[in-house]
Amino acid sequence: MDKEQYREILLTYFKAFGTGDFSQVKFSSNIQFLSPISQNTFD
């Protein structure tokens, strides 16, 4: 994935929070979440 594709994905994601329309947001089956406190990742 190049820098422009990554930028477009982020813009779509953050725009969805403003509009409430998440229909264009795509999630990966390999998503991980990072805990800001413990710095551990969770699948």
PDB file of N, CA and C in Angstrom:
ATOM      1  N   MET A   1       0.858  -1.174   0.000  1.00  0.00           N
ATOM      2  CA  MET A   1       0.000   0.000   0.000  1.00  0.00           C
ATOM      3  C   MET A   1       0.903   1.235   0.000  1.00  0.00           C
ATOM      4  N   ASP A   2       0.627   2.150  -0.882  1.00  0.00           N
ATOM      5  CA  ASP A   2       1.447   3.356  -0.925  1.00  0.00           C
ATOM      6  C   ASP A   2       0.879   4.437   0.008  1.00  0.00           C
ATOM      7  N   LYS A   3       1.622   5.500   0.126  1.00  0.00           N
ATOM      8  CA  LYS A   3       1.281   6.577   1.061  1.00  0.00           C
ATOM      9  C   LYS A   3      -0.078   7.216   0.747  1.00  0.00           C
ATOM     10  N   GLU A   4      -0.394   7.381  -0.515  1.00  0.00           N
ATOM     11  CA  GLU A   4      -1.661   8.003  -0.908  1.00  0.00           C
ATOM     12  C   GLU A   4      -2.852   7.106  -0.589  1.00  0.00           C
ATOM     13  N   GLN A   5      -2.721   5.807  -0.798  1.00  0.00           N
ATOM     14  CA  GLN A   5      -3.794   4.875  -0.450  1.00  0.00           C
ATOM     15  C   GLN A   5      -4.039   4.897   1.059  1.00  0.00           C
ATOM     16  N   TYR A   6      -2.974   4.893   1.825  1.00  0.00           N
ATOM     17  CA  TYR A   6      -3.084   4.931   3.281  1.00  0.00           C
ATOM     18  C   TYR A   6      -3.767   6.218   3.732  1.00  0.00           C
ATOM     19  N   ARG A   7      -3.401   7.322   3.128  1.00  0.00           N
ATOM     20  CA  ARG A   7      -3.999   8.627   3.449  1.00  0.00           C
ATOM     21  C   ARG A   7      -5.496   8.621   3.158  1.00  0.00           C
ATOM     22  N   GLU A   8      -5.883   8.065   2.031  1.00  0.00           N
ATOM     23  CA  GLU A   8      -7.297   8.011   1.644  1.00  0.00           C
ATOM     24  C   GLU A   8      -8.111   7.151   2.619  1.00  0.00           C
ATOM     25  N   ILE A   9      -7.547   6.046   3.056  1.00  0.00           N
ATOM     26  CA  ILE A   9      -8.225   5.188   4.026  1.00  0.00           C
ATOM     27  C   ILE A   9      -8.455   5.946   5.326  1.00  0.00           C
ATOM     28  N   LEU A  10      -7.434   6.655   5.800  1.00  0.00           N
ATOM     29  CA  LEU A  10      -7.574   7.420   7.043  1.00  0.00           C
ATOM     30  C   LEU A  10      -8.594   8.542   6.909  1.00  0.00           C
ATOM     31  N   LEU A  11      -8.597   9.233   5.788  1.00  0.00           N
ATOM     32  CA  LEU A  11      -9.571  10.309   5.579  1.00  0.00           C
ATOM     33  C   LEU A  11     -11.003   9.767   5.586  1.00  0.00           C
ATOM     34  N   THR A  12     -11.210   8.643   4.924  1.00  0.00           N
ATOM     35  CA  THR A  12     -12.537   8.020   4.897  1.00  0.00           C
ATOM     36  C   THR A  12     -12.972   7.633   6.297  1.00  0.00           C
ATOM     37  N   TYR A  13     -12.042   7.070   7.062  1.00  0.00           N
ATOM     38  CA  TYR A  13     -12.332   6.627   8.431  1.00  0.00           C
ATOM     39  C   TYR A  13     -12.720   7.797   9.328  1.00  0.00           C
ATOM     40  N   PHE A  14     -11.916   8.850   9.321  1.00  0.00           N
ATOM     41  CA  PHE A  14     -12.198   9.991  10.191  1.00  0.00           C
ATOM     42  C   PHE A  14     -13.422  10.790   9.729  1.00  0.00           C
ATOM     43  N   LYS A  15     -13.660  10.842   8.438  1.00  0.00           N
ATOM     44  CA  LYS A  15     -14.847  11.520   7.916  1.00  0.00           C
ATOM     45  C   LYS A  15     -16.115  10.814   8.392  1.00  0.00           C
ATOM     46  N   ALA A  16     -16.055   9.486   8.509  1.00  0.00           N
ATOM     47  CA  ALA A  16     -17.207   8.712   8.956  1.00  0.00           C
ATOM     48  C   ALA A  16     -17.644   9.105  10.365  1.00  0.00           C
ATOM     49  N   PHE A  17     -16.705   9.459  11.213  1.00  0.00           N
ATOM     50  CA  PHE A  17     -17.064   9.886  12.564  1.00  0.00           C
ATOM     51  C   PHE A  17     -17.816  11.218  12.538  1.00  0.00           C
ATOM     52  N   GLY A  18     -17.500  12.065  11.583  1.00  0.00           N
ATOM     53  CA  GLY A  18     -18.186  13.341  11.471  1.00  0.00           C
ATOM     54  C   GLY A  18     -19.582  13.219  10.890  1.00  0.00           C
ATOM     55  N   THR A  19     -19.735  12.308   9.944  1.00  0.00           N
ATOM     56  CA  THR A  19     -21.023  12.169   9.267  1.00  0.00           C
ATOM     57  C   THR A  19     -21.898  11.080   9.864  1.00  0.00           C
ATOM     58  N   GLY A  20     -21.264  10.130  10.552  1.00  0.00           N
ATOM     59  CA  GLY A  20     -22.008   8.986  11.087  1.00  0.00           C
ATOM     60  C   GLY A  20     -22.252   7.903  10.053  1.00  0.00           C
ATOM     61  N   ASP A  21     -21.768   8.097   8.840  1.00  0.00           N
ATOM     62  CA  ASP A  21     -21.936   7.130   7.746  1.00  0.00           C
ATOM     63  C   ASP A  21     -20.669   6.280   7.626  1.00  0.00           C
ATOM     64  N   PHE A  22     -20.724   5.055   8.127  1.00  0.00           N
ATOM     65  CA  PHE A  22     -19.570   4.157   8.094  1.00  0.00           C
ATOM     66  C   PHE A  22     -19.646   3.162   6.941  1.00  0.00           C
ATOM     67  N   SER A  23     -20.520   3.394   5.982  1.00  0.00           N
ATOM     68  CA  SER A  23     -20.720   2.445   4.891  1.00  0.00           C
ATOM     69  C   SER A  23     -19.478   2.285   4.011  1.00  0.00           C
ATOM     70  N   GLN A  24     -18.622   3.284   3.953  1.00  0.00           N
ATOM     71  CA  GLN A  24     -17.414   3.204   3.118  1.00  0.00           C
ATOM     72  C   GLN A  24     -16.182   2.727   3.891  1.00  0.00           C
ATOM     73  N   VAL A  25     -16.339   2.527   5.203  1.00  0.00           N
ATOM     74  CA  VAL A  25     -15.221   2.091   6.037  1.00  0.00           C
ATOM     75  C   VAL A  25     -15.106   0.578   5.943  1.00  0.00           C
ATOM     76  N   LYS A  26     -13.887   0.103   5.677  1.00  0.00           N
ATOM     77  CA  LYS A  26     -13.634  -1.331   5.563  1.00  0.00           C
ATOM     78  C   LYS A  26     -12.704  -1.748   6.695  1.00  0.00           C
ATOM     79  N   PHE A  27     -13.005  -2.878   7.316  1.00  0.00           N
ATOM     80  CA  PHE A  27     -12.188  -3.388   8.409  1.00  0.00           C
ATOM     81  C   PHE A  27     -11.494  -4.672   7.977  1.00  0.00           C
ATOM     82  N   SER A  28     -10.276  -4.838   8.421  1.00  0.00           N
ATOM     83  CA  SER A  28      -9.509  -6.034   8.128  1.00  0.00           C
ATOM     84  C   SER A  28      -9.832  -7.123   9.140  1.00  0.00           C
ATOM     85  N   SER A  29      -9.735  -8.355   8.718  1.00  0.00           N
ATOM     86  CA  SER A  29      -9.916  -9.471   9.653  1.00  0.00           C
ATOM     87  C   SER A  29      -8.689  -9.635  10.546  1.00  0.00           C
ATOM     88  N   ASN A  30      -7.608  -8.923  10.233  1.00  0.00           N
ATOM     89  CA  ASN A  30      -6.363  -9.006  10.999  1.00  0.00           C
ATOM     90  C   ASN A  30      -6.161  -7.787  11.891  1.00  0.00           C
ATOM     91  N   ILE A  31      -7.235  -7.154  12.291  1.00  0.00           N
ATOM     92  CA  ILE A  31      -7.137  -5.924  13.067  1.00  0.00           C
ATOM     93  C   ILE A  31      -6.634  -6.211  14.483  1.00  0.00           C
ATOM     94  N   GLN A  32      -5.813  -5.294  15.006  1.00  0.00           N
ATOM     95  CA  GLN A  32      -5.320  -5.377  16.376  1.00  0.00           C
ATOM     96  C   GLN A  32      -5.535  -4.019  17.036  1.00  0.00           C
ATOM     97  N   PHE A  33      -5.785  -4.049  18.334  1.00  0.00           N
ATOM     98  CA  PHE A  33      -5.972  -2.830  19.095  1.00  0.00           C
ATOM     99  C   PHE A  33      -4.822  -2.680  20.076  1.00  0.00           C
ATOM    100  N   LEU A  34      -4.304  -1.486  20.206  1.00  0.00           N
ATOM    101  CA  LEU A  34      -3.204  -1.196  21.112  1.00  0.00           C
ATOM    102  C   LEU A  34      -3.748  -0.487  22.339  1.00  0.00           C
ATOM    103  N   SER A  35      -3.481  -1.063  23.508  1.00  0.00           N
ATOM    104  CA  SER A  35      -3.888  -0.431  24.761  1.00  0.00           C
ATOM    105  C   SER A  35      -2.952   0.732  25.053  1.00  0.00           C
ATOM    106  N   PRO A  36      -3.493   1.945  25.207  1.00  0.00           N
ATOM    107  CA  PRO A  36      -2.631   3.108  25.452  1.00  0.00           C
ATOM    108  C   PRO A  36      -1.967   3.073  26.825  1.00  0.00           C
ATOM    109  N   ILE A  37      -2.516   2.307  27.743  1.00  0.00           N
ATOM    110  CA  ILE A  37      -1.951   2.251  29.094  1.00  0.00           C
ATOM    111  C   ILE A  37      -0.872   1.164  29.205  1.00  0.00           C
ATOM    112  N   SER A  38      -1.237  -0.063  28.842  1.00  0.00           N
ATOM    113  CA  SER A  38      -0.300  -1.178  29.000  1.00  0.00           C
ATOM    114  C   SER A  38       0.624  -1.368  27.804  1.00  0.00           C
ATOM    115  N   GLN A  39       0.284  -0.770  26.663  1.00  0.00           N
ATOM    116  CA  GLN A  39       1.038  -0.921  25.415  1.00  0.00           C
ATOM    117  C   GLN A  39       0.947  -2.346  24.855  1.00  0.00           C
ATOM    118  N   ASN A  40      -0.019  -3.125  25.321  1.00  0.00           N
ATOM    119  CA  ASN A  40      -0.258  -4.483  24.802  1.00  0.00           C
ATOM    120  C   ASN A  40      -1.223  -4.417  23.642  1.00  0.00           C
ATOM    121  N   THR A  41      -1.081  -5.348  22.700  1.00  0.00           N
ATOM    122  CA  THR A  41      -2.024  -5.430  21.588  1.00  0.00           C
ATOM    123  C   THR A  41      -3.013  -6.551  21.853  1.00  0.00           C
ATOM    124  N   PHE A  42      -4.230  -6.373  21.354  1.00  0.00           N
ATOM    125  CA  PHE A  42      -5.303  -7.354  21.501  1.00  0.00           C
ATOM    126  C   PHE A  42      -5.887  -7.638  20.132  1.00  0.00           C
ATOM    127  N   ASP A  43      -6.067  -8.920  19.837  1.00  0.00           N
ATOM    128  CA  ASP A  43      -6.656  -9.318  18.546  1.00  0.00           C
ATOM    129  C   ASP A  43      -8.163  -9.251  18.627  1.00  0.00           C
TER     130      ASP A  43
END
